[in-house]
């Protein structure tokens, strides 16, 4: 019984590793969030807190984290969605942006 469970665990983790290896992942690339898309009074740029994953299925998730410059933080949390986001795989409107009064912003774009 223990041997069967061990084999199942090895097979399960083996398949998970194979699936993960077939995804395309990129990090630390330039990412821009326009003020019109975020609701902020300033556009944001980062090149060190970004992540792009393209699954074998073709689904793509792009995420970027920003520090909002001092003096440009919103008075309350701003949430926007449905704006156009360009990725390596093309454009999408399955998008969300969140900007907080604590000076952080997040962008997520998904292509199905």
Protein backbone atom coordinates (compact mmCIF):
# COMPACT_ATOMS: atom_id res chain seq x y z
CA UNK A 1 0.00 0.00 0.00
CA UNK A 2 2.80 2.44 0.94
CA UNK A 3 4.64 1.61 -2.27
CA UNK A 4 1.50 2.33 -4.33
CA UNK A 5 1.06 5.72 -2.63
CA UNK A 6 4.71 6.58 -3.24
CA UNK A 7 4.39 5.70 -6.93
CA UNK A 8 1.20 7.81 -7.19
CA UNK A 9 2.98 10.73 -5.54
CA UNK A 10 5.96 10.45 -7.90
CA UNK A 11 3.67 10.25 -10.94
CA UNK A 12 1.55 13.18 -9.77
CA UNK A 13 4.52 15.43 -9.07
CA UNK A 14 6.24 14.25 -12.23
CA UNK A 15 3.28 15.27 -14.39
CA UNK A 16 2.98 18.61 -12.60
CA UNK A 17 6.65 19.32 -13.30
CA UNK A 18 6.28 18.41 -16.99
CA UNK A 19 3.26 20.69 -17.37
CA UNK A 20 5.06 23.57 -15.67
CA UNK A 21 8.13 23.09 -17.86
CA UNK A 22 6.02 23.60 -21.00
CA UNK A 23 4.94 27.13 -19.99
CA UNK A 24 6.83 30.22 -21.17
CA UNK A 25 7.77 32.50 -18.29
CA UNK A 26 9.40 35.94 -18.40
CA UNK A 27 10.27 38.24 -15.51
CA UNK A 28 11.66 41.70 -14.94
CA UNK A 29 10.69 43.29 -18.27
CA UNK A 30 9.38 46.82 -18.82
CA UNK A 31 5.73 47.37 -17.97
CA UNK A 32 3.68 50.56 -18.35
CA UNK A 33 0.33 51.51 -16.79
CA UNK A 34 -1.22 54.63 -18.34
CA UNK A 35 -2.95 57.08 -16.03
CA UNK A 36 -6.11 56.82 -18.13
CA UNK A 37 -6.23 53.06 -17.39
CA UNK A 38 -5.43 53.26 -13.67
CA UNK A 39 -7.41 56.35 -12.70
CA UNK A 40 -4.25 57.90 -11.24
CA UNK A 41 -2.96 61.35 -12.14
CA UNK A 42 0.40 59.85 -13.23
CA UNK A 43 1.40 56.99 -15.52
CA UNK A 44 3.53 54.25 -13.96
CA UNK A 45 6.51 52.23 -15.20
CA UNK A 46 8.42 49.33 -13.70
CA UNK A 47 10.96 46.84 -14.98
CA UNK A 48 11.70 44.72 -11.94
CA UNK A 49 8.40 43.46 -10.48
CA UNK A 50 6.80 42.00 -13.58
CA UNK A 51 5.76 38.47 -14.52
CA UNK A 52 4.48 36.97 -17.78
CA UNK A 53 3.31 33.36 -18.13
CA UNK A 54 2.09 31.72 -21.35
CA UNK A 55 0.70 28.22 -20.89
CA UNK A 56 0.95 25.56 -23.57
CA UNK A 57 -2.79 26.16 -24.16
CA UNK A 58 -1.97 29.70 -25.28
CA UNK A 59 -3.50 31.38 -22.21
CA UNK A 60 -1.40 34.31 -21.00
CA UNK A 61 -1.26 36.12 -17.67
CA UNK A 62 0.76 39.31 -17.38
CA UNK A 63 1.17 40.94 -13.95
CA UNK A 64 3.04 44.08 -12.96
CA UNK A 65 3.50 45.65 -9.53
CA UNK A 66 4.22 49.37 -9.24
CA UNK A 67 5.28 51.84 -6.57
CA UNK A 68 3.21 55.01 -6.96
CA UNK A 69 5.44 58.11 -6.68
CA UNK A 70 4.99 60.14 -3.52
CA UNK A 71 2.30 62.77 -3.94
CA UNK A 72 0.43 60.77 -6.62
CA UNK A 73 -1.22 58.21 -4.30
CA UNK A 74 -5.03 58.15 -4.54
CA UNK A 75 -7.19 59.17 -1.57
CA UNK A 76 -8.95 55.80 -1.76
CA UNK A 77 -8.43 52.49 -3.56
CA UNK A 78 -8.97 52.84 -7.31
CA UNK A 79 -10.14 49.79 -9.28
CA UNK A 80 -10.45 49.81 -13.06
CA UNK A 81 -11.00 47.07 -15.62
CA UNK A 82 -11.78 46.46 -19.27
CA UNK A 83 -9.08 48.71 -20.76
CA UNK A 84 -6.77 47.56 -23.56
CA UNK A 85 -3.53 45.90 -22.50
CA UNK A 86 -0.83 44.92 -24.98
CA UNK A 87 1.21 41.80 -24.23
CA UNK A 88 3.80 39.74 -26.08
CA UNK A 89 0.90 37.52 -27.22
CA UNK A 90 -1.33 40.37 -28.42
CA UNK A 91 -3.90 42.72 -26.94
CA UNK A 92 -6.71 42.01 -24.47
CA UNK A 93 -9.44 43.81 -22.54
CA UNK A 94 -9.59 41.15 -19.79
CA UNK A 95 -7.73 43.55 -17.53
CA UNK A 96 -7.72 44.86 -13.97
CA UNK A 97 -5.84 47.63 -12.24
CA UNK A 98 -5.78 48.39 -8.53
CA UNK A 99 -4.09 51.46 -7.01
CA UNK A 100 -4.01 51.94 -3.24
CA UNK A 101 -3.60 54.97 -1.00
CA UNK A 102 -0.60 53.10 0.45
CA UNK A 103 1.33 53.82 -2.76
CA UNK A 104 1.10 50.45 -4.50
CA UNK A 105 -0.52 49.55 -7.83
CA UNK A 106 -1.09 46.24 -9.62
CA UNK A 107 -1.90 45.49 -13.25
CA UNK A 108 -3.22 42.13 -14.50
CA UNK A 109 -3.91 41.27 -18.14
CA UNK A 110 -5.24 37.90 -19.30
CA UNK A 111 -5.48 36.47 -22.81
CA UNK A 112 -7.58 33.31 -23.26
